C-alpha atoms as a PDB file:
ATOM      1  CA  MET A   1       0.868   2.598 -16.633  1.00  0.00           C
ATOM      2  CA  LEU A   2       0.147   3.986 -13.160  1.00  0.00           C
ATOM      3  CA  LYS A   3      -0.417   1.190 -10.668  1.00  0.00           C
ATOM      4  CA  ILE A   4      -2.802   1.939  -7.822  1.00  0.00           C
ATOM      5  CA  GLY A   5      -2.931   0.407  -4.351  1.00  0.00           C
ATOM      6  CA  VAL A   6      -6.027   0.908  -2.208  1.00  0.00           C
ATOM      7  CA  LEU A   7      -5.864   0.972   1.591  1.00  0.00           C
ATOM      8  CA  GLY A   8      -9.284  -0.063   2.845  1.00  0.00           C
ATOM      9  CA  LEU A   9     -11.648  -2.305   0.903  1.00  0.00           C
ATOM     10  CA  GLY A  10     -14.824  -1.827   2.909  1.00  0.00           C
ATOM     11  CA  ILE A  11     -17.979  -0.427   1.332  1.00  0.00           C
ATOM     12  CA  VAL A  12     -16.349   2.767   0.030  1.00  0.00           C
ATOM     13  CA  GLY A  13     -13.045   1.156  -0.949  1.00  0.00           C
ATOM     14  CA  SER A  14     -14.664  -1.755  -2.792  1.00  0.00           C
ATOM     15  CA  ALA A  15     -17.048   0.568  -4.621  1.00  0.00           C
ATOM     16  CA  THR A  16     -14.118   2.801  -5.592  1.00  0.00           C
ATOM     17  CA  VAL A  17     -12.157  -0.158  -6.969  1.00  0.00           C
ATOM     18  CA  LYS A  18     -15.193  -1.353  -8.945  1.00  0.00           C
ATOM     19  CA  ALA A  19     -15.806   2.147 -10.341  1.00  0.00           C
ATOM     20  CA  LEU A  20     -12.159   2.469 -11.401  1.00  0.00           C
ATOM     21  CA  GLN A  21     -12.263  -0.980 -13.003  1.00  0.00           C
ATOM     22  CA  ASP A  22     -15.592  -0.387 -14.770  1.00  0.00           C
ATOM     23  CA  ASN A  23     -14.424   2.960 -16.153  1.00  0.00           C
ATOM     24  CA  GLU A  24     -10.748   2.132 -16.718  1.00  0.00           C
ATOM     25  CA  SER A  25     -10.729   2.927 -20.438  1.00  0.00           C
ATOM     26  CA  ILE A  26     -12.539   6.261 -20.030  1.00  0.00           C
ATOM     27  CA  ILE A  27     -10.382   7.356 -17.091  1.00  0.00           C
ATOM     28  CA  SER A  28      -7.183   6.266 -18.821  1.00  0.00           C
ATOM     29  CA  ALA A  29      -8.122   8.106 -22.021  1.00  0.00           C
ATOM     30  CA  ARG A  30      -8.805  11.314 -20.097  1.00  0.00           C
ATOM     31  CA  ALA A  31      -5.650  10.949 -18.004  1.00  0.00           C
ATOM     32  CA  GLY A  32      -3.495  10.142 -21.014  1.00  0.00           C
ATOM     33  CA  GLU A  33      -2.103   7.115 -19.187  1.00  0.00           C
ATOM     34  CA  VAL A  34      -3.442   3.717 -18.175  1.00  0.00           C
ATOM     35  CA  LEU A  35      -4.518   3.646 -14.519  1.00  0.00           C
ATOM     36  CA  LYS A  36      -4.932   0.194 -12.992  1.00  0.00           C
ATOM     37  CA  VAL A  37      -5.834  -0.910  -9.471  1.00  0.00           C
ATOM     38  CA  VAL A  38      -3.477  -3.793  -8.728  1.00  0.00           C
ATOM     39  CA  LYS A  39      -3.501  -4.224  -4.922  1.00  0.00           C
ATOM     40  CA  GLY A  40      -5.752  -3.669  -1.961  1.00  0.00           C
ATOM     41  CA  VAL A  41      -5.516  -3.993   1.800  1.00  0.00           C
ATOM     42  CA  THR A  42      -8.334  -4.873   4.166  1.00  0.00           C
ATOM     43  CA  ARG A  43      -8.750  -6.477   7.568  1.00  0.00           C
ATOM     44  CA  GLU A  44     -10.671  -9.333   5.935  1.00  0.00           C
ATOM     45  CA  PRO A  45      -8.913 -10.223   2.655  1.00  0.00           C
ATOM     46  CA  GLU A  46     -11.182 -13.197   1.899  1.00  0.00           C
ATOM     47  CA  GLN A  47     -14.176 -10.874   1.552  1.00  0.00           C
ATOM     48  CA  ALA A  48     -12.456  -8.814  -1.163  1.00  0.00           C
ATOM     49  CA  LYS A  49     -11.181 -11.608  -3.436  1.00  0.00           C
ATOM     50  CA  GLU A  50     -13.984 -10.976  -5.952  1.00  0.00           C
ATOM     51  CA  LEU A  51     -12.381  -7.648  -6.893  1.00  0.00           C
ATOM     52  CA  GLY A  52      -9.802  -9.469  -9.004  1.00  0.00           C
ATOM     53  CA  ILE A  53      -6.799  -7.733  -7.463  1.00  0.00           C
ATOM     54  CA  SER A  54      -4.071  -8.865  -5.090  1.00  0.00           C
ATOM     55  CA  VAL A  55      -5.460  -8.476  -1.550  1.00  0.00           C
ATOM     56  CA  SER A  56      -3.753  -8.670   1.832  1.00  0.00           C
ATOM     57  CA  ASP A  57      -4.197  -7.507   5.409  1.00  0.00           C
ATOM     58  CA  ASN A  58      -0.798  -5.773   5.636  1.00  0.00           C
ATOM     59  CA  VAL A  59      -0.512  -2.111   4.579  1.00  0.00           C
ATOM     60  CA  ASP A  60       3.220  -2.542   3.994  1.00  0.00           C
ATOM     61  CA  ASP A  61       2.378  -4.771   1.026  1.00  0.00           C
ATOM     62  CA  ILE A  62       1.318  -1.548  -0.709  1.00  0.00           C
ATOM     63  CA  LEU A  63       3.393   1.097   1.062  1.00  0.00           C
ATOM     64  CA  ASN A  64       6.710  -0.692   0.462  1.00  0.00           C
ATOM     65  CA  ASP A  65       5.939  -2.005  -3.031  1.00  0.00           C
ATOM     66  CA  PRO A  66       8.135  -0.151  -5.553  1.00  0.00           C
ATOM     67  CA  GLU A  67       5.649  -1.046  -8.312  1.00  0.00           C
ATOM     68  CA  ILE A  68       2.812   0.960  -6.713  1.00  0.00           C
ATOM     69  CA  ASP A  69       2.689   4.553  -7.985  1.00  0.00           C
ATOM     70  CA  VAL A  70      -0.480   5.848  -6.310  1.00  0.00           C
ATOM     71  CA  VAL A  71      -1.922   5.008  -2.892  1.00  0.00           C
ATOM     72  CA  VAL A  72      -5.632   5.623  -2.297  1.00  0.00           C
ATOM     73  CA  GLU A  73      -6.401   5.768   1.440  1.00  0.00           C
ATOM     74  CA  LEU A  74      -9.994   4.824   2.246  1.00  0.00           C
ATOM     75  CA  MET A  75      -9.556   3.192   5.652  1.00  0.00           C
ATOM     76  CA  GLY A  76     -11.231   5.759   7.823  1.00  0.00           C
ATOM     77  CA  GLY A  77      -9.944   6.894  11.163  1.00  0.00           C
ATOM     78  CA  ILE A  78      -7.199   9.420  11.716  1.00  0.00           C
ATOM     79  CA  ASP A  79      -3.995   8.256  13.391  1.00  0.00           C
ATOM     80  CA  PHE A  80      -3.270   5.016  11.528  1.00  0.00           C
ATOM     81  CA  ALA A  81      -4.438   6.526   8.227  1.00  0.00           C
ATOM     82  CA  PHE A  82      -2.105   9.488   8.819  1.00  0.00           C
ATOM     83  CA  GLU A  83       0.857   7.173   9.442  1.00  0.00           C
ATOM     84  CA  CYS A  84       0.087   5.253   6.239  1.00  0.00           C
ATOM     85  CA  VAL A  85      -0.211   8.428   4.168  1.00  0.00           C
ATOM     86  CA  LYS A  86       3.031   9.752   5.651  1.00  0.00           C
ATOM     87  CA  LYS A  87       4.876   6.516   4.863  1.00  0.00           C
ATOM     88  CA  ALA A  88       3.480   6.443   1.316  1.00  0.00           C
ATOM     89  CA  LEU A  89       4.709   9.992   0.704  1.00  0.00           C
ATOM     90  CA  GLN A  90       8.105   9.196   2.227  1.00  0.00           C
ATOM     91  CA  ASN A  91       8.317   6.270  -0.199  1.00  0.00           C
ATOM     92  CA  GLY A  92       7.733   8.608  -3.149  1.00  0.00           C
ATOM     93  CA  LYS A  93       4.144   7.641  -3.888  1.00  0.00           C
ATOM     94  CA  SER A  94       1.322   9.946  -4.860  1.00  0.00           C
ATOM     95  CA  VAL A  95      -1.576   9.801  -2.393  1.00  0.00           C
ATOM     96  CA  VAL A  96      -5.324  10.289  -2.629  1.00  0.00           C
ATOM     97  CA  THR A  97      -7.177  10.302   0.687  1.00  0.00           C
ATOM     98  CA  ALA A  98     -10.807  10.689   1.681  1.00  0.00           C
END
């Protein structure tokens, strides 16, 4: 199983998580491996609790988690997003960024 962490759970991030959850079996079948979103980070964690994943306001909860295989960066902006992507790659994670 590939465990996914999402940085940014605003409109785009939340919709991405929901799409991955709603289509998990189809995506996993095509990928040949189960893909599961397990963590997300947002500035307002209480607003993302309905996603059914672990949510925090600290990017290091994903970037330093050895259980996370793939980081999806959907925060927006440039500098902070770049630093997060760089740290994820340095920690051996695959990265998808918008």
